[in-house]
Amino acid sequence: MVMQMDMAIVLALDHCLETRNISRYELAKRTGIKYQTIDNYYKNKVVRYDRDILLKICLALQCEVGDIVKIVPVK
């Protein structure tokens, strides 16, 4: 299997929140996740994704993981 190193994983949490008109603070309240953690996911500063956090976010936003986690070409 050939790996594409010109691709990257990015989070589209900012887009998901904007389309639902939900703030990071509101998401933190709904999920019980610390605001700073939500902010790191929002700003794509996370290197290792916690599956429990992704699950809580998806449940709160009523979306799938694929709506938040995207594979995109590296610019």
N, C-alpha and C. Protein backbone atom coordinates (compact mmCIF):
# COMPACT_ATOMS: atom_id res chain seq x y z
N MET A 1 0.84 -1.18 0.00
CA MET A 1 0.00 0.00 0.00
C MET A 1 0.88 1.25 0.00
N VAL A 2 0.59 2.17 -0.87
CA VAL A 2 1.35 3.41 -0.99
C VAL A 2 0.69 4.48 -0.13
N MET A 3 1.50 5.13 0.72
CA MET A 3 0.96 6.20 1.57
C MET A 3 1.17 7.54 0.89
N GLN A 4 0.16 8.37 0.95
CA GLN A 4 0.23 9.71 0.41
C GLN A 4 0.70 10.67 1.50
N MET A 5 1.92 11.10 1.43
CA MET A 5 2.45 12.00 2.45
C MET A 5 2.12 13.46 2.15
N ASP A 6 1.48 13.70 1.02
CA ASP A 6 1.09 15.07 0.69
C ASP A 6 -0.34 15.36 1.15
N MET A 7 -0.82 14.54 2.09
CA MET A 7 -2.15 14.70 2.67
C MET A 7 -2.01 14.95 4.18
N ALA A 8 -3.01 15.56 4.77
CA ALA A 8 -2.99 15.83 6.21
C ALA A 8 -4.40 15.70 6.77
N ILE A 9 -4.46 15.39 8.05
CA ILE A 9 -5.74 15.36 8.75
C ILE A 9 -5.95 16.71 9.41
N VAL A 10 -7.11 17.29 9.19
CA VAL A 10 -7.47 18.56 9.82
C VAL A 10 -8.86 18.43 10.43
N LEU A 11 -9.13 19.26 11.39
CA LEU A 11 -10.44 19.27 12.02
C LEU A 11 -11.28 20.40 11.45
N ALA A 12 -12.52 20.11 11.20
CA ALA A 12 -13.45 21.11 10.67
C ALA A 12 -14.45 21.50 11.75
N LEU A 13 -14.01 21.48 13.01
CA LEU A 13 -14.91 21.83 14.11
C LEU A 13 -15.40 23.26 13.98
N ASP A 14 -14.54 24.14 13.52
CA ASP A 14 -14.95 25.54 13.34
C ASP A 14 -16.14 25.64 12.39
N HIS A 15 -16.08 24.93 11.30
CA HIS A 15 -17.17 24.94 10.32
C HIS A 15 -18.44 24.32 10.91
N CYS A 16 -18.29 23.22 11.62
CA CYS A 16 -19.45 22.54 12.23
C CYS A 16 -20.15 23.45 13.24
N LEU A 17 -19.37 24.16 14.02
CA LEU A 17 -19.96 25.06 15.02
C LEU A 17 -20.63 26.26 14.35
N GLU A 18 -19.97 26.80 13.33
CA GLU A 18 -20.53 27.97 12.64
C GLU A 18 -21.86 27.63 11.97
N THR A 19 -21.94 26.48 11.31
CA THR A 19 -23.18 26.12 10.61
C THR A 19 -24.32 25.84 11.59
N ARG A 20 -23.98 25.48 12.82
CA ARG A 20 -25.01 25.20 13.83
C ARG A 20 -25.23 26.39 14.76
N ASN A 21 -24.46 27.46 14.55
CA ASN A 21 -24.54 28.67 15.37
C ASN A 21 -24.33 28.35 16.85
N ILE A 22 -23.29 27.55 17.12
CA ILE A 22 -22.93 27.16 18.49
C ILE A 22 -21.52 27.68 18.78
N SER A 23 -21.34 28.27 19.95
CA SER A 23 -20.03 28.77 20.33
C SER A 23 -19.19 27.66 20.96
N ARG A 24 -17.90 27.88 21.04
CA ARG A 24 -17.01 26.92 21.70
C ARG A 24 -17.39 26.79 23.17
N TYR A 25 -17.78 27.89 23.78
CA TYR A 25 -18.19 27.87 25.18
C TYR A 25 -19.43 26.99 25.36
N GLU A 26 -20.41 27.15 24.46
CA GLU A 26 -21.63 26.34 24.53
C GLU A 26 -21.32 24.86 24.32
N LEU A 27 -20.42 24.56 23.39
CA LEU A 27 -20.03 23.16 23.16
C LEU A 27 -19.35 22.58 24.40
N ALA A 28 -18.52 23.37 25.04
CA ALA A 28 -17.86 22.92 26.28
C ALA A 28 -18.90 22.61 27.36
N LYS A 29 -19.91 23.46 27.48
CA LYS A 29 -20.98 23.23 28.46
C LYS A 29 -21.77 21.97 28.13
N ARG A 30 -22.10 21.78 26.86
CA ARG A 30 -22.91 20.62 26.45
C ARG A 30 -22.17 19.29 26.63
N THR A 31 -20.86 19.32 26.45
CA THR A 31 -20.09 18.08 26.47
C THR A 31 -19.40 17.80 27.80
N GLY A 32 -19.20 18.84 28.61
CA GLY A 32 -18.43 18.66 29.84
C GLY A 32 -16.93 18.65 29.59
N ILE A 33 -16.53 19.01 28.39
CA ILE A 33 -15.11 19.09 28.02
C ILE A 33 -14.62 20.50 28.35
N LYS A 34 -13.41 20.60 28.88
CA LYS A 34 -12.86 21.92 29.22
C LYS A 34 -12.80 22.80 27.98
N TYR A 35 -13.07 24.10 28.19
CA TYR A 35 -13.06 25.06 27.09
C TYR A 35 -11.72 25.03 26.35
N GLN A 36 -10.61 24.97 27.09
CA GLN A 36 -9.28 24.98 26.46
C GLN A 36 -9.10 23.80 25.52
N THR A 37 -9.64 22.65 25.88
CA THR A 37 -9.56 21.47 25.01
C THR A 37 -10.38 21.68 23.74
N ILE A 38 -11.60 22.20 23.91
CA ILE A 38 -12.45 22.51 22.74
C ILE A 38 -11.73 23.52 21.85
N ASP A 39 -11.12 24.53 22.45
CA ASP A 39 -10.41 25.56 21.71
C ASP A 39 -9.26 24.96 20.91
N ASN A 40 -8.54 24.01 21.50
CA ASN A 40 -7.44 23.35 20.78
C ASN A 40 -7.95 22.55 19.58
N TYR A 41 -9.05 21.87 19.74
CA TYR A 41 -9.66 21.15 18.60
C TYR A 41 -10.13 22.16 17.55
N TYR A 42 -10.74 23.23 17.99
CA TYR A 42 -11.25 24.27 17.10
C TYR A 42 -10.14 24.89 16.26
N LYS A 43 -8.99 25.11 16.89
CA LYS A 43 -7.85 25.77 16.22
C LYS A 43 -6.87 24.78 15.59
N ASN A 44 -7.23 23.51 15.53
CA ASN A 44 -6.39 22.47 14.93
C ASN A 44 -5.02 22.37 15.59
N LYS A 45 -4.96 22.52 16.90
CA LYS A 45 -3.71 22.41 17.63
C LYS A 45 -3.50 21.01 18.21
N VAL A 46 -4.47 20.13 18.02
CA VAL A 46 -4.41 18.79 18.59
C VAL A 46 -3.58 17.89 17.67
N VAL A 47 -2.67 17.13 18.27
CA VAL A 47 -1.83 16.20 17.51
C VAL A 47 -2.38 14.78 17.63
N ARG A 48 -2.82 14.42 18.82
CA ARG A 48 -3.40 13.10 19.07
C ARG A 48 -4.87 13.29 19.44
N TYR A 49 -5.73 12.69 18.65
CA TYR A 49 -7.16 12.87 18.83
C TYR A 49 -7.69 11.85 19.83
N ASP A 50 -8.42 12.32 20.81
CA ASP A 50 -9.01 11.47 21.85
C ASP A 50 -10.38 11.01 21.36
N ARG A 51 -10.56 9.70 21.25
CA ARG A 51 -11.82 9.19 20.71
C ARG A 51 -13.02 9.52 21.58
N ASP A 52 -12.81 9.59 22.90
CA ASP A 52 -13.91 9.94 23.80
C ASP A 52 -14.34 11.39 23.61
N ILE A 53 -13.38 12.26 23.38
CA ILE A 53 -13.69 13.66 23.12
C ILE A 53 -14.43 13.79 21.79
N LEU A 54 -13.93 13.11 20.76
CA LEU A 54 -14.61 13.15 19.47
C LEU A 54 -16.04 12.62 19.58
N LEU A 55 -16.24 11.58 20.35
CA LEU A 55 -17.58 11.02 20.54
C LEU A 55 -18.50 12.04 21.20
N LYS A 56 -18.03 12.67 22.27
CA LYS A 56 -18.86 13.68 22.96
C LYS A 56 -19.20 14.84 22.04
N ILE A 57 -18.23 15.28 21.25
CA ILE A 57 -18.47 16.38 20.33
C ILE A 57 -19.51 15.98 19.28
N CYS A 58 -19.34 14.78 18.72
CA CYS A 58 -20.28 14.31 17.69
C CYS A 58 -21.69 14.15 18.25
N LEU A 59 -21.80 13.64 19.46
CA LEU A 59 -23.12 13.49 20.06
C LEU A 59 -23.77 14.84 20.32
N ALA A 60 -22.98 15.80 20.80
CA ALA A 60 -23.51 17.14 21.09
C ALA A 60 -23.93 17.86 19.82
N LEU A 61 -23.18 17.65 18.72
CA LEU A 61 -23.48 18.33 17.46
C LEU A 61 -24.37 17.51 16.55
N GLN A 62 -24.68 16.29 16.97
CA GLN A 62 -25.49 15.36 16.17
C GLN A 62 -24.90 15.22 14.77
N CYS A 63 -23.61 14.83 14.75
CA CYS A 63 -22.92 14.65 13.48
C CYS A 63 -22.06 13.39 13.54
N GLU A 64 -21.43 13.07 12.44
CA GLU A 64 -20.52 11.93 12.34
C GLU A 64 -19.08 12.42 12.47
N VAL A 65 -18.19 11.52 12.82
CA VAL A 65 -16.77 11.88 12.95
C VAL A 65 -16.25 12.46 11.64
N GLY A 66 -16.70 11.91 10.53
CA GLY A 66 -16.26 12.40 9.22
C GLY A 66 -16.69 13.83 8.91
N ASP A 67 -17.66 14.33 9.66
CA ASP A 67 -18.05 15.73 9.50
C ASP A 67 -17.04 16.67 10.16
N ILE A 68 -16.28 16.12 11.11
CA ILE A 68 -15.32 16.93 11.86
C ILE A 68 -13.89 16.67 11.41
N VAL A 69 -13.54 15.40 11.20
CA VAL A 69 -12.18 15.02 10.81
C VAL A 69 -12.12 14.89 9.30
N LYS A 70 -11.23 15.64 8.68
CA LYS A 70 -11.10 15.65 7.21
C LYS A 70 -9.67 15.33 6.80
N ILE A 71 -9.52 14.69 5.66
CA ILE A 71 -8.21 14.46 5.05
C ILE A 71 -8.13 15.40 3.84
N VAL A 72 -7.12 16.25 3.87
CA VAL A 72 -7.00 17.27 2.83
C VAL A 72 -5.56 17.30 2.28
N PRO A 73 -5.39 17.80 1.07
CA PRO A 73 -4.03 17.94 0.53
C PRO A 73 -3.25 18.98 1.31
N VAL A 74 -1.96 18.73 1.47
CA VAL A 74 -1.08 19.69 2.13
C VAL A 74 -0.74 20.78 1.12
N LYS A 75 -0.82 22.01 1.55
CA LYS A 75 -0.55 23.14 0.63
C LYS A 75 0.91 23.48 0.61
